[in-house]
Structures are given as C-alpha cells and as structure tokens.
Amino acid sequence: MHRKSPLPWLAFVVTLVMITGPAMAQTSRTNGDGEASHESSASPLPRPATAAAGTDYVIGPDDVLAVNVWKEPDLSRSVLVRPDGKITLPLLKDIAASGSTPDQLQARIEKGLSDYVSKPAVTVIVQEAKSHKFNILGAVQKPGTYILTGPMTVLDAIALAGGLREWAKAKSIYILRVTSDGGRKRIPFDYKKVVKGSNGDIQLEIKDTIVVP
C-alpha cells in the first residue's frame, strides 16, 4: 500500500510564502525598536483653498470679509473694512485691505502672522460686497446709492430705481464717471434712442453717478 507524498503540499506552502513575502515587506517598515510599523495610506490634510468666487474682486470700504486661519479659531473672524480701508485682526492689529484682491490680502496676512504662527494658512472670503456702488440722481422714482453686485448697464440702473418720472428729460441723461486722475468725465445717454436700439447701452463702473434731469 502506497502513501501519498507530502512534497506537493510543501511546495505549495513555499510558493505562497515567496509570493506574499515581498508584498508584506512593501507595506511594513521596521522602526528603531525592531517592531514593524505600517505606513498610513491616508493623504496629508490639504491646505485651505482660496475662495474660488471673486478672486479678482477689489476690496473696498464697507465690505465684510471672512478671515479664516487654518487650525487657529481664535485668529479667525468676520471683519468690516473701515472707511480708512483697513481691518483689525488679532496679533496684526490694523492691516490695509482696501485696493487688494482676496488673494493679495491673504498673502499679506500670512506674511504678518508668520512671526507668531508656524506656516500660517489663511483664507479670505468676501462675505458681503458693499463697496462697489453707483449713484442715480434726479427724476427717477427711487434716487439714491445702490450696490453694484455684478455687470449692470444704465438701463438696469434706471429700472432698479423704479423707472423715470413723467417730467424726466430722457434725452438729456448723463453719467459722471471718475477718471484715473481723480476727475470726472461726462458721458451723454439718450434713453429714448437706447430703448429703440439706435444707441448702445452703457456698462456701469464703480462710483458712476447717473444724473436724470
């Protein structure tokens, strides 16, 4: 009577060890005490991203900003841009904000905090955009100052102000626009021709003043 040889089973075990051995070696590492420690497959925590929306927005007085410092809740807060164009933050006190984009202000805050915090990561978000304004005066239903929340034309502004009054001189409307040297130029606007399509509408800019005689 013949017994089966154990050699095929032994060969299978040896082969299995040869296959799995290198794989285990790649996922384990020996520490200084000779004990195996497995490396974590989790990726490192990401740096907070800059606000995607409005990165080209130019900050001005009356804007409300959310300043978040990564892992530093005591340094994070919502701040109002003062009339002098500055904001107040812990450790930094007053820092200029007006005239900067969120990215530029973020870099300035990170540089200032680097004296107090190791590798500070800052995110600046414009929570309330109130500095981009225009004025509409004269013979409209609701004259006053309005926030320029996005692309807007003179017709849009007149509609926002409730429309023209009965005695408005629709052909004599004009826009006062601030020039690069601080002066103002006068741009004529014939409401009737624009409505008829004879003239093109005019895109508003920050600090424009529409005058309706």
N, C-alpha and C. Protein backbone atom coordinates (compact mmCIF):
# COMPACT_ATOMS: atom_id res chain seq x y z
N MET A 1 0.84 -1.19 0.00
CA MET A 1 0.00 0.00 0.00
C MET A 1 0.88 1.25 0.00
N HIS A 2 0.57 2.16 -0.97
CA HIS A 2 1.43 3.34 -1.11
C HIS A 2 0.80 4.55 -0.46
N ARG A 3 1.60 5.32 0.31
CA ARG A 3 1.15 6.58 0.90
C ARG A 3 1.49 7.75 -0.03
N LYS A 4 0.58 8.78 -0.01
CA LYS A 4 0.83 9.96 -0.82
C LYS A 4 1.97 10.78 -0.23
N SER A 5 2.82 11.28 -1.11
CA SER A 5 3.97 12.07 -0.66
C SER A 5 3.53 13.47 -0.26
N PRO A 6 4.02 14.04 0.86
CA PRO A 6 3.66 15.39 1.31
C PRO A 6 4.38 16.49 0.53
N LEU A 7 5.27 16.11 -0.41
CA LEU A 7 6.09 17.11 -1.10
C LEU A 7 5.28 18.12 -1.90
N PRO A 8 4.23 17.71 -2.64
CA PRO A 8 3.45 18.74 -3.36
C PRO A 8 2.86 19.80 -2.46
N TRP A 9 2.39 19.42 -1.30
CA TRP A 9 1.84 20.40 -0.35
C TRP A 9 2.92 21.33 0.18
N LEU A 10 4.10 20.77 0.43
CA LEU A 10 5.21 21.57 0.92
C LEU A 10 5.62 22.61 -0.14
N ALA A 11 5.63 22.18 -1.40
CA ALA A 11 5.98 23.09 -2.49
C ALA A 11 4.98 24.22 -2.59
N PHE A 12 3.70 23.92 -2.35
CA PHE A 12 2.65 24.95 -2.41
C PHE A 12 2.86 26.01 -1.33
N VAL A 13 3.21 25.56 -0.10
CA VAL A 13 3.43 26.48 1.01
C VAL A 13 4.63 27.37 0.74
N VAL A 14 5.70 26.80 0.21
CA VAL A 14 6.90 27.56 -0.09
C VAL A 14 6.62 28.63 -1.14
N THR A 15 5.84 28.23 -2.17
CA THR A 15 5.48 29.17 -3.23
C THR A 15 4.66 30.32 -2.69
N LEU A 16 3.70 30.01 -1.79
CA LEU A 16 2.84 31.03 -1.20
C LEU A 16 3.66 32.03 -0.40
N VAL A 17 4.61 31.57 0.35
CA VAL A 17 5.46 32.45 1.15
C VAL A 17 6.29 33.36 0.26
N MET A 18 6.77 32.81 -0.87
CA MET A 18 7.60 33.60 -1.79
C MET A 18 6.78 34.71 -2.44
N ILE A 19 5.49 34.43 -2.67
CA ILE A 19 4.65 35.44 -3.34
C ILE A 19 4.24 36.54 -2.37
N THR A 20 3.80 36.16 -1.18
CA THR A 20 3.27 37.14 -0.23
C THR A 20 4.35 37.88 0.52
N GLY A 21 5.52 37.32 0.61
CA GLY A 21 6.59 37.94 1.38
C GLY A 21 6.95 39.34 0.92
N PRO A 22 7.26 39.54 -0.38
CA PRO A 22 7.63 40.89 -0.84
C PRO A 22 6.52 41.90 -0.65
N ALA A 23 5.24 41.46 -0.86
CA ALA A 23 4.12 42.39 -0.70
C ALA A 23 4.02 42.89 0.73
N MET A 24 4.21 41.98 1.68
CA MET A 24 4.17 42.39 3.08
C MET A 24 5.34 43.30 3.41
N ALA A 25 6.46 43.06 2.78
CA ALA A 25 7.63 43.89 3.05
C ALA A 25 7.43 45.31 2.56
N GLN A 26 6.61 45.49 1.47
CA GLN A 26 6.38 46.82 0.94
C GLN A 26 5.46 47.64 1.82
N THR A 27 4.57 47.00 2.58
CA THR A 27 3.60 47.73 3.39
C THR A 27 4.04 47.86 4.84
N SER A 28 5.17 47.26 5.21
CA SER A 28 5.64 47.33 6.60
C SER A 28 7.02 47.94 6.63
N ARG A 29 7.32 48.55 7.73
CA ARG A 29 8.65 49.14 7.92
C ARG A 29 9.04 48.93 9.37
N THR A 30 10.30 48.62 9.60
CA THR A 30 10.77 48.36 10.95
C THR A 30 11.22 49.67 11.58
N ASN A 31 10.73 49.93 12.80
CA ASN A 31 11.14 51.16 13.47
C ASN A 31 12.42 50.93 14.26
N GLY A 32 12.83 51.93 14.99
CA GLY A 32 14.11 51.85 15.69
C GLY A 32 14.16 50.76 16.74
N ASP A 33 12.99 50.31 17.26
CA ASP A 33 12.97 49.28 18.29
C ASP A 33 12.85 47.89 17.69
N GLY A 34 12.90 47.78 16.35
CA GLY A 34 12.81 46.47 15.73
C GLY A 34 11.39 46.00 15.54
N GLU A 35 10.38 46.82 15.87
CA GLU A 35 9.00 46.43 15.71
C GLU A 35 8.48 46.95 14.38
N ALA A 36 7.67 46.13 13.72
CA ALA A 36 7.13 46.53 12.42
C ALA A 36 6.03 47.56 12.62
N SER A 37 6.10 48.62 11.81
CA SER A 37 5.06 49.65 11.86
C SER A 37 4.56 49.87 10.45
N HIS A 38 3.24 49.87 10.28
CA HIS A 38 2.64 50.02 8.97
C HIS A 38 2.44 51.48 8.65
N GLU A 39 2.79 51.86 7.41
CA GLU A 39 2.62 53.24 6.99
C GLU A 39 1.15 53.51 6.69
N SER A 40 0.69 54.68 7.06
CA SER A 40 -0.70 55.05 6.80
C SER A 40 -0.86 55.44 5.34
N SER A 41 -1.95 54.97 4.72
CA SER A 41 -2.22 55.29 3.32
C SER A 41 -2.98 56.60 3.18
N ALA A 42 -3.38 57.21 4.31
CA ALA A 42 -4.16 58.45 4.25
C ALA A 42 -3.28 59.60 3.77
N SER A 43 -3.83 60.44 2.89
CA SER A 43 -3.10 61.58 2.38
C SER A 43 -3.06 62.68 3.43
N PRO A 44 -2.05 63.56 3.42
CA PRO A 44 -1.97 64.64 4.41
C PRO A 44 -3.13 65.61 4.26
N LEU A 45 -3.45 66.33 5.33
CA LEU A 45 -4.54 67.29 5.30
C LEU A 45 -4.22 68.39 4.30
N PRO A 46 -5.19 68.73 3.46
CA PRO A 46 -4.93 69.76 2.45
C PRO A 46 -4.88 71.15 3.05
N ARG A 47 -4.18 72.03 2.38
CA ARG A 47 -4.15 73.44 2.77
C ARG A 47 -5.46 74.07 2.35
N PRO A 48 -6.05 74.93 3.17
CA PRO A 48 -7.32 75.53 2.79
C PRO A 48 -7.20 76.29 1.47
N ALA A 49 -8.20 76.12 0.63
CA ALA A 49 -8.17 76.75 -0.69
C ALA A 49 -8.62 78.19 -0.60
N THR A 50 -8.09 79.00 -1.53
CA THR A 50 -8.53 80.38 -1.64
C THR A 50 -9.95 80.41 -2.19
N ALA A 51 -10.72 81.34 -1.78
CA ALA A 51 -12.08 81.44 -2.27
C ALA A 51 -12.10 81.47 -3.78
N ALA A 52 -12.89 80.53 -4.37
CA ALA A 52 -12.93 80.44 -5.82
C ALA A 52 -13.66 81.62 -6.42
N ALA A 53 -14.71 82.04 -5.74
CA ALA A 53 -15.52 83.11 -6.28
C ALA A 53 -14.97 84.45 -5.86
N GLY A 54 -14.82 85.33 -6.84
CA GLY A 54 -14.42 86.70 -6.53
C GLY A 54 -12.96 86.89 -6.23
N THR A 55 -12.08 86.03 -6.78
CA THR A 55 -10.66 86.21 -6.50
C THR A 55 -10.10 87.46 -7.16
N ASP A 56 -10.80 88.00 -8.20
CA ASP A 56 -10.34 89.23 -8.84
C ASP A 56 -11.09 90.46 -8.33
N TYR A 57 -11.94 90.25 -7.33
CA TYR A 57 -12.70 91.34 -6.74
C TYR A 57 -11.75 92.27 -5.98
N VAL A 58 -11.92 93.58 -6.16
CA VAL A 58 -11.09 94.55 -5.46
C VAL A 58 -11.82 95.00 -4.19
N ILE A 59 -11.25 94.73 -3.05
CA ILE A 59 -11.86 95.02 -1.76
C ILE A 59 -11.90 96.53 -1.52
N GLY A 60 -12.98 96.98 -0.89
CA GLY A 60 -13.12 98.39 -0.58
C GLY A 60 -13.83 98.61 0.75
N PRO A 61 -13.95 99.86 1.19
CA PRO A 61 -14.65 100.16 2.45
C PRO A 61 -16.08 99.64 2.44
N ASP A 62 -16.54 99.21 3.61
CA ASP A 62 -17.88 98.67 3.85
C ASP A 62 -18.02 97.20 3.46
N ASP A 63 -17.01 96.60 2.81
CA ASP A 63 -17.07 95.17 2.53
C ASP A 63 -16.92 94.39 3.84
N VAL A 64 -17.59 93.24 3.92
CA VAL A 64 -17.45 92.36 5.08
C VAL A 64 -16.65 91.13 4.64
N LEU A 65 -15.54 90.87 5.32
CA LEU A 65 -14.64 89.78 4.96
C LEU A 65 -14.63 88.69 6.02
N ALA A 66 -14.56 87.44 5.57
CA ALA A 66 -14.35 86.32 6.48
C ALA A 66 -12.88 85.93 6.38
N VAL A 67 -12.14 86.09 7.47
CA VAL A 67 -10.72 85.75 7.50
C VAL A 67 -10.58 84.49 8.35
N ASN A 68 -10.19 83.39 7.70
CA ASN A 68 -10.05 82.11 8.39
C ASN A 68 -8.59 81.68 8.40
N VAL A 69 -8.07 81.42 9.60
CA VAL A 69 -6.70 80.95 9.76
C VAL A 69 -6.76 79.47 10.12
N TRP A 70 -6.17 78.65 9.29
CA TRP A 70 -6.22 77.20 9.44
C TRP A 70 -5.76 76.74 10.83
N LYS A 71 -6.66 76.04 11.53
CA LYS A 71 -6.39 75.49 12.87
C LYS A 71 -6.14 76.56 13.92
N GLU A 72 -6.57 77.80 13.66
CA GLU A 72 -6.40 78.88 14.63
C GLU A 72 -7.74 79.62 14.79
N PRO A 73 -8.71 79.01 15.47
CA PRO A 73 -10.04 79.63 15.58
C PRO A 73 -10.02 80.98 16.29
N ASP A 74 -9.07 81.18 17.20
CA ASP A 74 -9.00 82.46 17.91
C ASP A 74 -8.56 83.60 17.01
N LEU A 75 -7.94 83.27 15.89
CA LEU A 75 -7.47 84.29 14.96
C LEU A 75 -8.43 84.48 13.78
N SER A 76 -9.44 83.63 13.69
CA SER A 76 -10.38 83.68 12.57
C SER A 76 -11.62 84.47 12.95
N ARG A 77 -12.12 85.30 12.05
CA ARG A 77 -13.30 86.11 12.34
C ARG A 77 -13.79 86.84 11.10
N SER A 78 -15.01 87.39 11.20
CA SER A 78 -15.55 88.27 10.17
C SER A 78 -15.21 89.71 10.54
N VAL A 79 -14.76 90.47 9.57
CA VAL A 79 -14.35 91.85 9.84
C VAL A 79 -14.93 92.78 8.78
N LEU A 80 -15.20 94.01 9.20
CA LEU A 80 -15.69 95.05 8.31
C LEU A 80 -14.53 95.93 7.87
N VAL A 81 -14.46 96.21 6.58
CA VAL A 81 -13.44 97.13 6.08
C VAL A 81 -13.88 98.55 6.42
N ARG A 82 -13.06 99.22 7.22
CA ARG A 82 -13.41 100.56 7.69
C ARG A 82 -13.30 101.60 6.58
N PRO A 83 -13.83 102.80 6.80
CA PRO A 83 -13.70 103.87 5.79
C PRO A 83 -12.26 104.19 5.42
N ASP A 84 -11.31 103.94 6.34
CA ASP A 84 -9.90 104.19 6.01
C ASP A 84 -9.27 103.04 5.22
N GLY A 85 -10.08 102.01 4.91
CA GLY A 85 -9.60 100.90 4.09
C GLY A 85 -8.88 99.81 4.85
N LYS A 86 -8.90 99.88 6.19
CA LYS A 86 -8.17 98.89 6.99
C LYS A 86 -9.12 97.96 7.74
N ILE A 87 -8.57 96.82 8.16
CA ILE A 87 -9.29 95.89 9.04
C ILE A 87 -8.43 95.64 10.27
N THR A 88 -9.06 95.18 11.33
CA THR A 88 -8.34 94.89 12.57
C THR A 88 -8.37 93.39 12.83
N LEU A 89 -7.19 92.79 13.03
CA LEU A 89 -7.07 91.36 13.30
C LEU A 89 -6.20 91.13 14.53
N PRO A 90 -6.46 90.03 15.26
CA PRO A 90 -5.61 89.71 16.42
C PRO A 90 -4.14 89.58 15.99
N LEU A 91 -3.26 90.00 16.85
CA LEU A 91 -1.81 89.98 16.66
C LEU A 91 -1.33 91.03 15.65
N LEU A 92 -2.07 91.21 14.54
CA LEU A 92 -1.62 92.13 13.50
C LEU A 92 -2.15 93.55 13.69
N LYS A 93 -3.18 93.69 14.52
CA LYS A 93 -3.84 94.99 14.72
C LYS A 93 -4.42 95.48 13.39
N ASP A 94 -4.05 96.67 12.93
CA ASP A 94 -4.60 97.24 11.70
C ASP A 94 -3.78 96.80 10.49
N ILE A 95 -4.49 96.37 9.45
CA ILE A 95 -3.83 95.95 8.22
C ILE A 95 -4.63 96.47 7.03
N ALA A 96 -3.96 97.01 6.03
CA ALA A 96 -4.63 97.60 4.86
C ALA A 96 -5.30 96.51 4.05
N ALA A 97 -6.57 96.73 3.70
CA ALA A 97 -7.33 95.76 2.91
C ALA A 97 -7.86 96.37 1.61
N SER A 98 -8.26 97.63 1.67
CA SER A 98 -8.85 98.29 0.51
C SER A 98 -7.85 98.38 -0.63
N GLY A 99 -8.34 98.08 -1.85
CA GLY A 99 -7.48 98.11 -3.02
C GLY A 99 -6.82 96.79 -3.33
N SER A 100 -6.98 95.80 -2.45
CA SER A 100 -6.39 94.47 -2.65
C SER A 100 -7.45 93.47 -3.09
N THR A 101 -7.03 92.43 -3.78
CA THR A 101 -7.92 91.30 -4.05
C THR A 101 -7.86 90.36 -2.84
N PRO A 102 -8.81 89.43 -2.71
CA PRO A 102 -8.73 88.47 -1.60
C PRO A 102 -7.41 87.71 -1.56
N ASP A 103 -6.88 87.32 -2.73
CA ASP A 103 -5.60 86.61 -2.76
C ASP A 103 -4.46 87.47 -2.22
N GLN A 104 -4.43 88.74 -2.61
CA GLN A 104 -3.36 89.64 -2.17
C GLN A 104 -3.44 89.89 -0.66
N LEU A 105 -4.65 90.08 -0.15
CA LEU A 105 -4.80 90.30 1.28
C LEU A 105 -4.45 89.04 2.05
N GLN A 106 -4.83 87.89 1.52
CA GLN A 106 -4.49 86.62 2.16
C GLN A 106 -2.98 86.48 2.31
N ALA A 107 -2.23 86.79 1.26
CA ALA A 107 -0.76 86.68 1.31
C ALA A 107 -0.18 87.66 2.34
N ARG A 108 -0.76 88.86 2.42
CA ARG A 108 -0.27 89.86 3.37
C ARG A 108 -0.51 89.40 4.81
N ILE A 109 -1.67 88.81 5.06
CA ILE A 109 -1.98 88.34 6.42
C ILE A 109 -1.07 87.16 6.78
N GLU A 110 -0.86 86.25 5.84
CA GLU A 110 0.03 85.11 6.10
C GLU A 110 1.44 85.58 6.45
N LYS A 111 1.92 86.58 5.72
CA LYS A 111 3.26 87.11 6.00
C LYS A 111 3.33 87.73 7.39
N GLY A 112 2.29 88.47 7.77
CA GLY A 112 2.28 89.08 9.09
C GLY A 112 2.20 88.07 10.22
N LEU A 113 1.40 87.01 10.01
CA LEU A 113 1.22 86.00 11.06
C LEU A 113 2.40 85.05 11.18
N SER A 114 3.27 85.04 10.16
CA SER A 114 4.40 84.10 10.20
C SER A 114 5.35 84.37 11.37
N ASP A 115 5.27 85.57 11.96
CA ASP A 115 6.08 85.89 13.13
C ASP A 115 5.51 85.26 14.40
N TYR A 116 4.24 84.81 14.34
CA TYR A 116 3.58 84.28 15.52
C TYR A 116 3.10 82.84 15.36
N VAL A 117 2.80 82.44 14.12
CA VAL A 117 2.25 81.11 13.85
C VAL A 117 3.15 80.40 12.85
N SER A 118 3.41 79.12 13.09
CA SER A 118 4.23 78.34 12.18
C SER A 118 3.45 78.01 10.90
N LYS A 119 3.95 78.49 9.79
CA LYS A 119 3.37 78.25 8.47
C LYS A 119 1.86 78.53 8.45
N PRO A 120 1.46 79.76 8.70
CA PRO A 120 0.02 80.07 8.71
C PRO A 120 -0.60 79.91 7.32
N ALA A 121 -1.81 79.36 7.29
CA ALA A 121 -2.57 79.20 6.05
C ALA A 121 -3.87 79.98 6.21
N VAL A 122 -4.06 80.99 5.39
CA VAL A 122 -5.18 81.92 5.55
C VAL A 122 -6.09 81.88 4.33
N THR A 123 -7.39 81.96 4.57
CA THR A 123 -8.37 82.10 3.51
C THR A 123 -9.16 83.38 3.74
N VAL A 124 -9.29 84.20 2.70
CA VAL A 124 -10.07 85.43 2.77
C VAL A 124 -11.25 85.32 1.82
N ILE A 125 -12.46 85.48 2.34
CA ILE A 125 -13.68 85.39 1.54
C ILE A 125 -14.46 86.69 1.71
N VAL A 126 -14.92 87.25 0.60
CA VAL A 126 -15.77 88.44 0.66
C VAL A 126 -17.20 87.97 0.95
N GLN A 127 -17.63 88.15 2.19
CA GLN A 127 -18.97 87.72 2.59
C GLN A 127 -20.05 88.67 2.08
N GLU A 128 -19.78 89.95 2.18
CA GLU A 128 -20.75 90.96 1.72
C GLU A 128 -19.99 92.03 0.93
N ALA A 129 -20.30 92.10 -0.37
CA ALA A 129 -19.64 93.08 -1.24
C ALA A 129 -20.46 94.36 -1.25
N LYS A 130 -20.05 95.32 -0.44
CA LYS A 130 -20.81 96.57 -0.31
C LYS A 130 -20.05 97.81 -0.79
N SER A 131 -18.82 97.63 -1.21
CA SER A 131 -18.01 98.79 -1.59
C SER A 131 -18.21 99.21 -3.04
N HIS A 132 -18.69 98.29 -3.87
CA HIS A 132 -18.88 98.61 -5.29
C HIS A 132 -20.27 99.22 -5.46
N LYS A 133 -20.30 100.53 -5.57
CA LYS A 133 -21.58 101.25 -5.57
C LYS A 133 -21.68 102.20 -6.75
N PHE A 134 -22.91 102.61 -7.06
CA PHE A 134 -23.15 103.68 -8.02
C PHE A 134 -24.29 104.54 -7.49
N ASN A 135 -24.41 105.74 -8.01
CA ASN A 135 -25.47 106.66 -7.61
C ASN A 135 -26.38 106.95 -8.80
N ILE A 136 -27.65 107.16 -8.51
CA ILE A 136 -28.58 107.63 -9.54
C ILE A 136 -29.41 108.76 -8.94
N LEU A 137 -29.37 109.92 -9.58
CA LEU A 137 -29.98 111.12 -9.03
C LEU A 137 -30.99 111.73 -10.01
N GLY A 138 -31.89 112.55 -9.47
CA GLY A 138 -32.80 113.30 -10.32
C GLY A 138 -34.17 112.67 -10.48
N ALA A 139 -34.71 112.73 -11.70
CA ALA A 139 -36.10 112.38 -11.96
C ALA A 139 -36.32 110.88 -12.16
N VAL A 140 -36.01 110.11 -11.11
CA VAL A 140 -36.35 108.69 -11.08
C VAL A 140 -37.20 108.44 -9.83
N GLN A 141 -37.86 107.29 -9.80
CA GLN A 141 -38.78 107.02 -8.68
C GLN A 141 -38.04 106.84 -7.35
N LYS A 142 -36.88 106.21 -7.38
CA LYS A 142 -36.15 105.93 -6.13
C LYS A 142 -34.67 106.31 -6.29
N PRO A 143 -34.37 107.60 -6.28
CA PRO A 143 -32.97 108.01 -6.39
C PRO A 143 -32.18 107.58 -5.15
N GLY A 144 -30.89 107.39 -5.32
CA GLY A 144 -30.06 107.02 -4.18
C GLY A 144 -28.81 106.28 -4.60
N THR A 145 -28.19 105.63 -3.63
CA THR A 145 -26.97 104.85 -3.84
C THR A 145 -27.32 103.37 -3.85
N TYR A 146 -26.80 102.65 -4.83
CA TYR A 146 -27.08 101.23 -4.98
C TYR A 146 -25.77 100.45 -5.08
N ILE A 147 -25.84 99.18 -4.66
CA ILE A 147 -24.66 98.31 -4.73
C ILE A 147 -24.57 97.68 -6.11
N LEU A 148 -23.39 97.75 -6.68
CA LEU A 148 -23.13 97.17 -7.99
C LEU A 148 -22.71 95.71 -7.77
N THR A 149 -23.69 94.82 -7.75
CA THR A 149 -23.44 93.42 -7.40
C THR A 149 -22.85 92.60 -8.54
N GLY A 150 -22.93 93.14 -9.75
CA GLY A 150 -22.42 92.41 -10.91
C GLY A 150 -22.49 93.32 -12.13
N PRO A 151 -22.28 92.77 -13.33
CA PRO A 151 -22.40 93.58 -14.54
C PRO A 151 -23.77 94.25 -14.62
N MET A 152 -23.79 95.56 -14.84
CA MET A 152 -25.05 96.30 -14.87
C MET A 152 -24.91 97.47 -15.83
N THR A 153 -25.99 97.78 -16.55
CA THR A 153 -25.99 98.88 -17.50
C THR A 153 -26.82 100.04 -16.95
N VAL A 154 -26.82 101.15 -17.69
CA VAL A 154 -27.61 102.31 -17.27
C VAL A 154 -29.10 101.97 -17.26
N LEU A 155 -29.55 101.23 -18.26
CA LEU A 155 -30.97 100.81 -18.27
C LEU A 155 -31.30 99.95 -17.05
N ASP A 156 -30.39 99.06 -16.68
CA ASP A 156 -30.60 98.24 -15.48
C ASP A 156 -30.72 99.14 -14.25
N ALA A 157 -29.87 100.16 -14.17
CA ALA A 157 -29.88 101.06 -13.02
C ALA A 157 -31.19 101.85 -12.95
N ILE A 158 -31.66 102.34 -14.09
CA ILE A 158 -32.92 103.09 -14.12
C ILE A 158 -34.08 102.19 -13.69
N ALA A 159 -34.08 100.96 -14.16
CA ALA A 159 -35.12 100.01 -13.75
C ALA A 159 -35.06 99.73 -12.26
N LEU A 160 -33.84 99.58 -11.73
CA LEU A 160 -33.66 99.33 -10.30
C LEU A 160 -34.18 100.50 -9.47
N ALA A 161 -34.06 101.70 -10.03
CA ALA A 161 -34.51 102.91 -9.33
C ALA A 161 -35.99 103.19 -9.57
N GLY A 162 -36.70 102.24 -10.15
CA GLY A 162 -38.16 102.38 -10.31
C GLY A 162 -38.60 103.02 -11.60
N GLY A 163 -37.66 103.38 -12.47
CA GLY A 163 -38.01 103.98 -13.75
C GLY A 163 -38.00 105.50 -13.71
N LEU A 164 -38.19 106.11 -14.87
CA LEU A 164 -38.16 107.57 -14.99
C LEU A 164 -39.49 108.18 -14.54
N ARG A 165 -39.42 109.39 -14.03
CA ARG A 165 -40.64 110.14 -13.70
C ARG A 165 -41.19 110.78 -14.99
N GLU A 166 -42.42 111.26 -14.90
CA GLU A 166 -43.10 111.79 -16.09
C GLU A 166 -42.35 112.96 -16.71
N TRP A 167 -41.79 113.82 -15.87
CA TRP A 167 -41.14 115.04 -16.38
C TRP A 167 -39.65 114.85 -16.68
N ALA A 168 -39.16 113.64 -16.59
CA ALA A 168 -37.74 113.39 -16.82
C ALA A 168 -37.36 113.73 -18.27
N LYS A 169 -36.21 114.34 -18.44
CA LYS A 169 -35.70 114.66 -19.77
C LYS A 169 -34.86 113.47 -20.25
N ALA A 170 -35.57 112.50 -20.85
CA ALA A 170 -34.96 111.21 -21.19
C ALA A 170 -33.80 111.33 -22.17
N LYS A 171 -33.80 112.38 -23.00
CA LYS A 171 -32.73 112.55 -23.99
C LYS A 171 -31.48 113.22 -23.40
N SER A 172 -31.61 113.74 -22.19
CA SER A 172 -30.50 114.53 -21.62
C SER A 172 -29.84 113.87 -20.42
N ILE A 173 -30.07 112.59 -20.24
CA ILE A 173 -29.42 111.86 -19.13
C ILE A 173 -27.91 111.78 -19.39
N TYR A 174 -27.13 111.81 -18.31
CA TYR A 174 -25.69 111.66 -18.47
C TYR A 174 -25.08 110.93 -17.27
N ILE A 175 -23.90 110.37 -17.48
CA ILE A 175 -23.18 109.64 -16.43
C ILE A 175 -21.92 110.42 -16.08
N LEU A 176 -21.69 110.62 -14.79
CA LEU A 176 -20.44 111.20 -14.32
C LEU A 176 -19.53 110.06 -13.89
N ARG A 177 -18.40 109.92 -14.56
CA ARG A 177 -17.50 108.79 -14.29
C ARG A 177 -16.15 109.29 -13.79
N VAL A 178 -15.66 108.66 -12.73
CA VAL A 178 -14.36 109.03 -12.14
C VAL A 178 -13.24 108.59 -13.08
N THR A 179 -12.32 109.50 -13.37
CA THR A 179 -11.19 109.20 -14.25
C THR A 179 -9.97 108.79 -13.43
N SER A 180 -8.95 108.34 -14.13
CA SER A 180 -7.74 107.85 -13.44
C SER A 180 -7.03 108.93 -12.65
N ASP A 181 -7.21 110.19 -13.05
CA ASP A 181 -6.54 111.29 -12.34
C ASP A 181 -7.41 111.87 -11.21
N GLY A 182 -8.53 111.22 -10.94
CA GLY A 182 -9.40 111.67 -9.86
C GLY A 182 -10.48 112.63 -10.28
N GLY A 183 -10.47 113.05 -11.54
CA GLY A 183 -11.51 113.94 -12.02
C GLY A 183 -12.76 113.18 -12.44
N ARG A 184 -13.67 113.85 -13.12
CA ARG A 184 -14.89 113.21 -13.62
C ARG A 184 -15.13 113.63 -15.07
N LYS A 185 -15.55 112.67 -15.85
CA LYS A 185 -15.94 112.98 -17.23
C LYS A 185 -17.44 112.73 -17.38
N ARG A 186 -18.04 113.49 -18.30
CA ARG A 186 -19.49 113.43 -18.52
C ARG A 186 -19.78 112.61 -19.78
N ILE A 187 -20.59 111.55 -19.64
CA ILE A 187 -20.93 110.68 -20.75
C ILE A 187 -22.43 110.82 -21.04
N PRO A 188 -22.82 111.33 -22.21
CA PRO A 188 -24.25 111.51 -22.50
C PRO A 188 -24.95 110.18 -22.73
N PHE A 189 -26.24 110.14 -22.37
CA PHE A 189 -27.03 108.92 -22.51
C PHE A 189 -28.45 109.31 -22.95
N ASP A 190 -28.80 108.96 -24.18
CA ASP A 190 -30.13 109.25 -24.73
C ASP A 190 -31.01 108.03 -24.50
N TYR A 191 -31.83 108.11 -23.46
CA TYR A 191 -32.66 106.97 -23.06
C TYR A 191 -33.55 106.48 -24.21
N LYS A 192 -34.18 107.41 -24.92
CA LYS A 192 -35.13 107.03 -25.97
C LYS A 192 -34.44 106.29 -27.12
N LYS A 193 -33.25 106.75 -27.50
CA LYS A 193 -32.52 106.08 -28.58
C LYS A 193 -32.03 104.69 -28.15
N VAL A 194 -31.62 104.56 -26.90
CA VAL A 194 -31.15 103.27 -26.41
C VAL A 194 -32.31 102.27 -26.38
N VAL A 195 -33.46 102.71 -25.91
CA VAL A 195 -34.63 101.84 -25.84
C VAL A 195 -35.06 101.39 -27.24
N LYS A 196 -34.93 102.28 -28.21
CA LYS A 196 -35.31 101.95 -29.59
C LYS A 196 -34.24 101.11 -30.30
N GLY A 197 -33.07 101.03 -29.69
CA GLY A 197 -31.98 100.26 -30.30
C GLY A 197 -31.08 101.07 -31.18
N SER A 198 -31.29 102.38 -31.26
CA SER A 198 -30.45 103.24 -32.10
C SER A 198 -29.05 103.42 -31.50
N ASN A 199 -29.00 103.52 -30.18
CA ASN A 199 -27.72 103.66 -29.46
C ASN A 199 -27.53 102.45 -28.55
N GLY A 200 -26.26 102.13 -28.28
CA GLY A 200 -25.98 101.03 -27.37
C GLY A 200 -26.08 101.45 -25.92
N ASP A 201 -26.44 100.50 -25.06
CA ASP A 201 -26.49 100.77 -23.63
C ASP A 201 -25.06 100.92 -23.10
N ILE A 202 -24.91 101.51 -21.93
CA ILE A 202 -23.58 101.78 -21.36
C ILE A 202 -23.40 100.95 -20.09
N GLN A 203 -22.26 100.25 -20.02
CA GLN A 203 -21.94 99.45 -18.84
C GLN A 203 -21.49 100.36 -17.70
N LEU A 204 -22.06 100.11 -16.52
CA LEU A 204 -21.70 100.92 -15.36
C LEU A 204 -20.35 100.50 -14.79
N GLU A 205 -19.68 101.47 -14.18
CA GLU A 205 -18.45 101.21 -13.45
C GLU A 205 -18.62 101.68 -12.01
N ILE A 206 -17.71 101.21 -11.14
CA ILE A 206 -17.77 101.59 -9.73
C ILE A 206 -17.69 103.11 -9.58
N LYS A 207 -18.52 103.68 -8.74
CA LYS A 207 -18.56 105.10 -8.42
C LYS A 207 -19.20 105.96 -9.52
N ASP A 208 -19.82 105.33 -10.52
CA ASP A 208 -20.55 106.10 -11.53
C ASP A 208 -21.73 106.80 -10.87
N THR A 209 -22.06 107.98 -11.37
CA THR A 209 -23.24 108.70 -10.93
C THR A 209 -24.10 109.02 -12.17
N ILE A 210 -25.32 108.48 -12.17
CA ILE A 210 -26.25 108.72 -13.27
C ILE A 210 -27.14 109.92 -12.89
N VAL A 211 -27.18 110.89 -13.73
CA VAL A 211 -27.98 112.09 -13.49
C VAL A 211 -29.12 112.14 -14.49
N VAL A 212 -30.36 112.18 -13.98
CA VAL A 212 -31.56 112.24 -14.82
C VAL A 212 -32.19 113.61 -14.61
N PRO A 213 -32.04 114.57 -15.56
CA PRO A 213 -32.58 115.91 -15.39
C PRO A 213 -34.11 115.90 -15.35
